[in-house]
């Protein structure tokens, strides 16, 4: 019953990550005997991180880049005039 009310409130407040992860975080908090403030901080941090990830993903999709590249995929042999350290710190 309470979990349904929490899910409803999370939906109303647009907190989808909290709705999904509330149970496991609450169980962990009970096992570790976390204070309410520590529990609340973990739940809010989870929602913040999820929102940042969704925002980053949306920005990458709307940017229209032809392909997503990561530093791990960079061919340092191709750019022989730039040392690897200079690329990583630039």
N, C-alpha and C. Protein backbone atom coordinates (compact mmCIF):
# COMPACT_ATOMS: atom_id res chain seq x y z
N UNK A 1 0.82 -1.19 0.00
CA UNK A 1 0.00 0.00 0.00
C UNK A 1 0.87 1.26 0.00
N UNK A 2 1.84 1.31 0.89
CA UNK A 2 2.70 2.48 0.95
C UNK A 2 3.53 2.61 -0.32
N UNK A 3 4.00 1.49 -0.85
CA UNK A 3 4.81 1.55 -2.08
C UNK A 3 3.99 2.11 -3.24
N UNK A 4 2.70 1.81 -3.27
CA UNK A 4 1.84 2.36 -4.32
C UNK A 4 1.68 3.87 -4.15
N UNK A 5 1.53 4.30 -2.91
CA UNK A 5 1.42 5.75 -2.66
C UNK A 5 2.71 6.46 -3.05
N UNK A 6 3.84 5.86 -2.70
CA UNK A 6 5.12 6.46 -3.07
C UNK A 6 5.29 6.52 -4.59
N UNK A 7 4.92 5.46 -5.27
CA UNK A 7 5.01 5.44 -6.73
C UNK A 7 4.12 6.53 -7.33
N UNK A 8 2.94 6.69 -6.78
CA UNK A 8 2.02 7.71 -7.26
C UNK A 8 2.59 9.11 -7.04
N UNK A 9 3.14 9.34 -5.86
CA UNK A 9 3.74 10.65 -5.57
C UNK A 9 4.94 10.92 -6.46
N UNK A 10 5.76 9.92 -6.68
CA UNK A 10 6.93 10.09 -7.55
C UNK A 10 6.48 10.42 -8.97
N UNK A 11 5.43 9.78 -9.43
CA UNK A 11 4.91 10.07 -10.76
C UNK A 11 4.38 11.50 -10.82
N UNK A 12 3.66 11.91 -9.79
CA UNK A 12 3.10 13.26 -9.74
C UNK A 12 4.20 14.32 -9.71
N UNK A 13 5.29 14.02 -9.01
CA UNK A 13 6.40 14.97 -8.88
C UNK A 13 7.46 14.80 -9.98
N UNK A 14 7.21 13.89 -10.90
CA UNK A 14 8.15 13.61 -12.00
C UNK A 14 9.52 13.18 -11.47
N UNK A 15 9.51 12.14 -10.65
CA UNK A 15 10.72 11.56 -10.07
C UNK A 15 10.81 10.08 -10.43
N UNK A 16 10.98 9.75 -11.71
CA UNK A 16 10.91 8.35 -12.12
C UNK A 16 12.03 7.47 -11.55
N UNK A 17 13.22 8.00 -11.39
CA UNK A 17 14.32 7.20 -10.87
C UNK A 17 14.11 6.83 -9.41
N UNK A 18 13.57 7.74 -8.65
CA UNK A 18 13.28 7.43 -7.25
C UNK A 18 12.21 6.35 -7.18
N UNK A 19 11.20 6.45 -8.03
CA UNK A 19 10.14 5.45 -8.04
C UNK A 19 10.70 4.07 -8.34
N UNK A 20 11.67 4.00 -9.25
CA UNK A 20 12.25 2.71 -9.65
C UNK A 20 13.20 2.16 -8.60
N UNK A 21 13.98 3.01 -7.95
CA UNK A 21 15.06 2.56 -7.08
C UNK A 21 14.80 2.73 -5.59
N UNK A 22 13.63 3.19 -5.23
CA UNK A 22 13.34 3.44 -3.83
C UNK A 22 13.51 2.19 -2.97
N UNK A 23 12.96 1.08 -3.41
CA UNK A 23 12.99 -0.17 -2.63
C UNK A 23 14.40 -0.62 -2.28
N UNK A 24 15.27 -0.81 -3.28
CA UNK A 24 16.63 -1.25 -2.97
C UNK A 24 17.40 -0.27 -2.07
N UNK A 25 17.21 1.02 -2.28
CA UNK A 25 17.90 2.01 -1.45
C UNK A 25 17.37 1.97 -0.03
N UNK A 26 16.07 1.81 0.13
CA UNK A 26 15.47 1.72 1.47
C UNK A 26 15.97 0.48 2.21
N UNK A 27 16.09 -0.63 1.50
CA UNK A 27 16.60 -1.86 2.13
C UNK A 27 18.06 -1.69 2.55
N UNK A 28 18.85 -1.07 1.68
CA UNK A 28 20.26 -0.82 2.02
C UNK A 28 20.36 0.11 3.23
N UNK A 29 19.53 1.13 3.26
CA UNK A 29 19.52 2.07 4.39
C UNK A 29 19.16 1.37 5.69
N UNK A 30 18.21 0.45 5.62
CA UNK A 30 17.80 -0.29 6.83
C UNK A 30 18.93 -1.21 7.31
N UNK A 31 19.60 -1.88 6.38
CA UNK A 31 20.71 -2.77 6.75
C UNK A 31 21.86 -2.00 7.38
N UNK A 32 22.17 -0.85 6.80
CA UNK A 32 23.31 -0.06 7.28
C UNK A 32 22.91 0.91 8.39
N UNK A 33 21.64 0.93 8.72
CA UNK A 33 21.12 1.84 9.74
C UNK A 33 21.50 3.29 9.45
N UNK A 34 21.23 3.71 8.22
CA UNK A 34 21.51 5.09 7.82
C UNK A 34 20.50 6.04 8.45
N UNK A 35 20.95 7.25 8.68
CA UNK A 35 20.02 8.27 9.17
C UNK A 35 19.07 8.64 8.04
N UNK A 36 17.97 9.28 8.40
CA UNK A 36 17.01 9.71 7.39
C UNK A 36 17.67 10.68 6.41
N UNK A 37 18.52 11.57 6.92
CA UNK A 37 19.18 12.54 6.06
C UNK A 37 20.10 11.83 5.05
N UNK A 38 20.83 10.80 5.49
CA UNK A 38 21.70 10.06 4.57
C UNK A 38 20.87 9.33 3.51
N UNK A 39 19.76 8.73 3.94
CA UNK A 39 18.88 8.04 3.01
C UNK A 39 18.32 9.03 1.98
N UNK A 40 17.84 10.16 2.46
CA UNK A 40 17.29 11.17 1.56
C UNK A 40 18.34 11.68 0.58
N UNK A 41 19.55 11.88 1.08
CA UNK A 41 20.63 12.34 0.20
C UNK A 41 20.89 11.32 -0.91
N UNK A 42 20.92 10.05 -0.57
CA UNK A 42 21.16 9.01 -1.58
C UNK A 42 20.05 8.97 -2.63
N UNK A 43 18.82 9.08 -2.17
CA UNK A 43 17.69 9.04 -3.09
C UNK A 43 17.72 10.26 -4.02
N UNK A 44 17.96 11.42 -3.47
CA UNK A 44 18.00 12.64 -4.30
C UNK A 44 19.21 12.65 -5.23
N UNK A 45 20.32 12.13 -4.76
CA UNK A 45 21.51 12.05 -5.62
C UNK A 45 21.24 11.12 -6.80
N UNK A 46 20.55 10.01 -6.55
CA UNK A 46 20.20 9.08 -7.62
C UNK A 46 19.34 9.78 -8.68
N UNK A 47 18.35 10.52 -8.24
CA UNK A 47 17.47 11.22 -9.18
C UNK A 47 18.25 12.28 -9.96
N UNK A 48 19.13 12.99 -9.28
CA UNK A 48 19.94 14.02 -9.95
C UNK A 48 20.83 13.40 -11.02
N UNK A 49 21.50 12.30 -10.69
CA UNK A 49 22.37 11.63 -11.65
C UNK A 49 21.58 11.10 -12.84
N UNK A 50 20.41 10.55 -12.58
CA UNK A 50 19.58 10.04 -13.67
C UNK A 50 19.13 11.17 -14.59
N UNK A 51 18.78 12.31 -14.00
CA UNK A 51 18.37 13.45 -14.82
C UNK A 51 19.53 13.97 -15.67
N UNK A 52 20.72 14.03 -15.08
CA UNK A 52 21.88 14.49 -15.84
C UNK A 52 22.17 13.54 -17.00
N UNK A 53 22.05 12.25 -16.76
CA UNK A 53 22.28 11.26 -17.80
C UNK A 53 21.25 11.39 -18.92
N UNK A 54 19.97 11.55 -18.54
CA UNK A 54 18.93 11.73 -19.55
C UNK A 54 19.14 13.02 -20.34
N UNK A 55 19.54 14.08 -19.66
CA UNK A 55 19.79 15.36 -20.32
C UNK A 55 20.95 15.25 -21.30
N UNK A 56 22.02 14.63 -20.86
CA UNK A 56 23.19 14.45 -21.72
C UNK A 56 22.83 13.62 -22.95
N UNK A 57 22.06 12.58 -22.73
CA UNK A 57 21.64 11.72 -23.83
C UNK A 57 20.77 12.49 -24.83
N UNK A 58 19.84 13.28 -24.31
CA UNK A 58 18.96 14.07 -25.17
C UNK A 58 19.76 15.11 -25.95
N UNK A 59 20.70 15.76 -25.30
CA UNK A 59 21.52 16.76 -26.00
C UNK A 59 22.36 16.12 -27.10
N UNK A 60 22.88 14.94 -26.85
CA UNK A 60 23.67 14.25 -27.87
C UNK A 60 22.79 13.86 -29.07
N UNK A 61 21.57 13.41 -28.78
CA UNK A 61 20.67 13.04 -29.88
C UNK A 61 20.26 14.25 -30.70
N UNK A 62 19.95 15.35 -30.04
CA UNK A 62 19.49 16.54 -30.76
C UNK A 62 20.62 17.31 -31.43
N UNK A 63 21.85 17.05 -31.03
CA UNK A 63 22.98 17.73 -31.65
C UNK A 63 23.17 17.30 -33.10
N UNK A 64 22.74 16.09 -33.42
CA UNK A 64 22.83 15.63 -34.80
C UNK A 64 24.22 15.21 -35.22
N UNK A 65 25.05 14.80 -34.28
CA UNK A 65 26.38 14.33 -34.63
C UNK A 65 26.26 13.09 -35.51
N UNK A 66 27.14 12.96 -36.52
CA UNK A 66 27.04 11.79 -37.41
C UNK A 66 27.34 10.47 -36.67
N UNK A 67 28.22 10.53 -35.68
CA UNK A 67 28.55 9.32 -34.91
C UNK A 67 29.08 9.73 -33.55
N UNK A 68 28.84 8.90 -32.57
CA UNK A 68 29.33 9.16 -31.22
C UNK A 68 30.72 8.55 -31.09
N UNK A 69 31.68 9.35 -30.70
CA UNK A 69 33.06 8.88 -30.55
C UNK A 69 33.50 9.08 -29.11
N UNK A 70 34.32 8.17 -28.63
CA UNK A 70 34.88 8.28 -27.29
C UNK A 70 36.39 8.35 -27.39
N UNK A 71 37.02 8.77 -26.31
CA UNK A 71 38.48 8.88 -26.30
C UNK A 71 39.13 7.51 -26.47
N UNK A 72 38.43 6.46 -26.00
CA UNK A 72 38.97 5.11 -26.14
C UNK A 72 39.05 4.68 -27.61
N UNK A 73 38.20 5.25 -28.45
CA UNK A 73 38.18 4.91 -29.87
C UNK A 73 39.15 5.76 -30.70
N UNK A 74 39.77 6.77 -30.10
CA UNK A 74 40.64 7.68 -30.83
C UNK A 74 41.89 6.95 -31.30
N UNK A 75 42.24 7.15 -32.56
CA UNK A 75 43.42 6.51 -33.15
C UNK A 75 44.63 7.44 -32.99
N UNK A 76 45.43 7.18 -31.96
CA UNK A 76 46.59 8.03 -31.70
C UNK A 76 47.68 7.85 -32.75
N UNK A 77 47.70 6.73 -33.44
CA UNK A 77 48.70 6.51 -34.50
C UNK A 77 48.37 7.34 -35.73
N UNK A 78 47.09 7.60 -35.96
CA UNK A 78 46.67 8.40 -37.10
C UNK A 78 47.12 9.85 -36.93
N UNK A 79 47.00 10.39 -35.74
CA UNK A 79 47.41 11.76 -35.46
C UNK A 79 48.81 11.74 -34.86
N UNK A 80 49.77 11.40 -35.66
CA UNK A 80 51.14 11.19 -35.17
C UNK A 80 51.82 12.47 -34.69
N UNK A 81 51.36 13.63 -35.11
CA UNK A 81 51.98 14.87 -34.68
C UNK A 81 51.48 15.35 -33.31
N UNK A 82 50.49 14.69 -32.74
CA UNK A 82 49.96 15.05 -31.43
C UNK A 82 50.22 13.90 -30.46
N UNK A 83 51.05 14.11 -29.47
CA UNK A 83 51.27 13.04 -28.49
C UNK A 83 49.99 12.74 -27.72
N UNK A 84 49.86 11.50 -27.28
CA UNK A 84 48.64 11.04 -26.60
C UNK A 84 48.33 11.89 -25.38
N UNK A 85 49.34 12.24 -24.62
CA UNK A 85 49.11 13.03 -23.41
C UNK A 85 48.52 14.39 -23.73
N UNK A 86 48.96 15.01 -24.83
CA UNK A 86 48.45 16.32 -25.21
C UNK A 86 46.98 16.23 -25.61
N UNK A 87 46.57 15.15 -26.23
CA UNK A 87 45.17 14.97 -26.62
C UNK A 87 44.30 14.76 -25.39
N UNK A 88 44.79 13.97 -24.45
CA UNK A 88 44.02 13.65 -23.25
C UNK A 88 43.89 14.84 -22.32
N UNK A 89 44.84 15.74 -22.30
CA UNK A 89 44.78 16.88 -21.39
C UNK A 89 44.21 18.13 -22.07
N UNK A 90 44.01 18.09 -23.36
CA UNK A 90 43.50 19.28 -24.08
C UNK A 90 42.04 19.51 -23.80
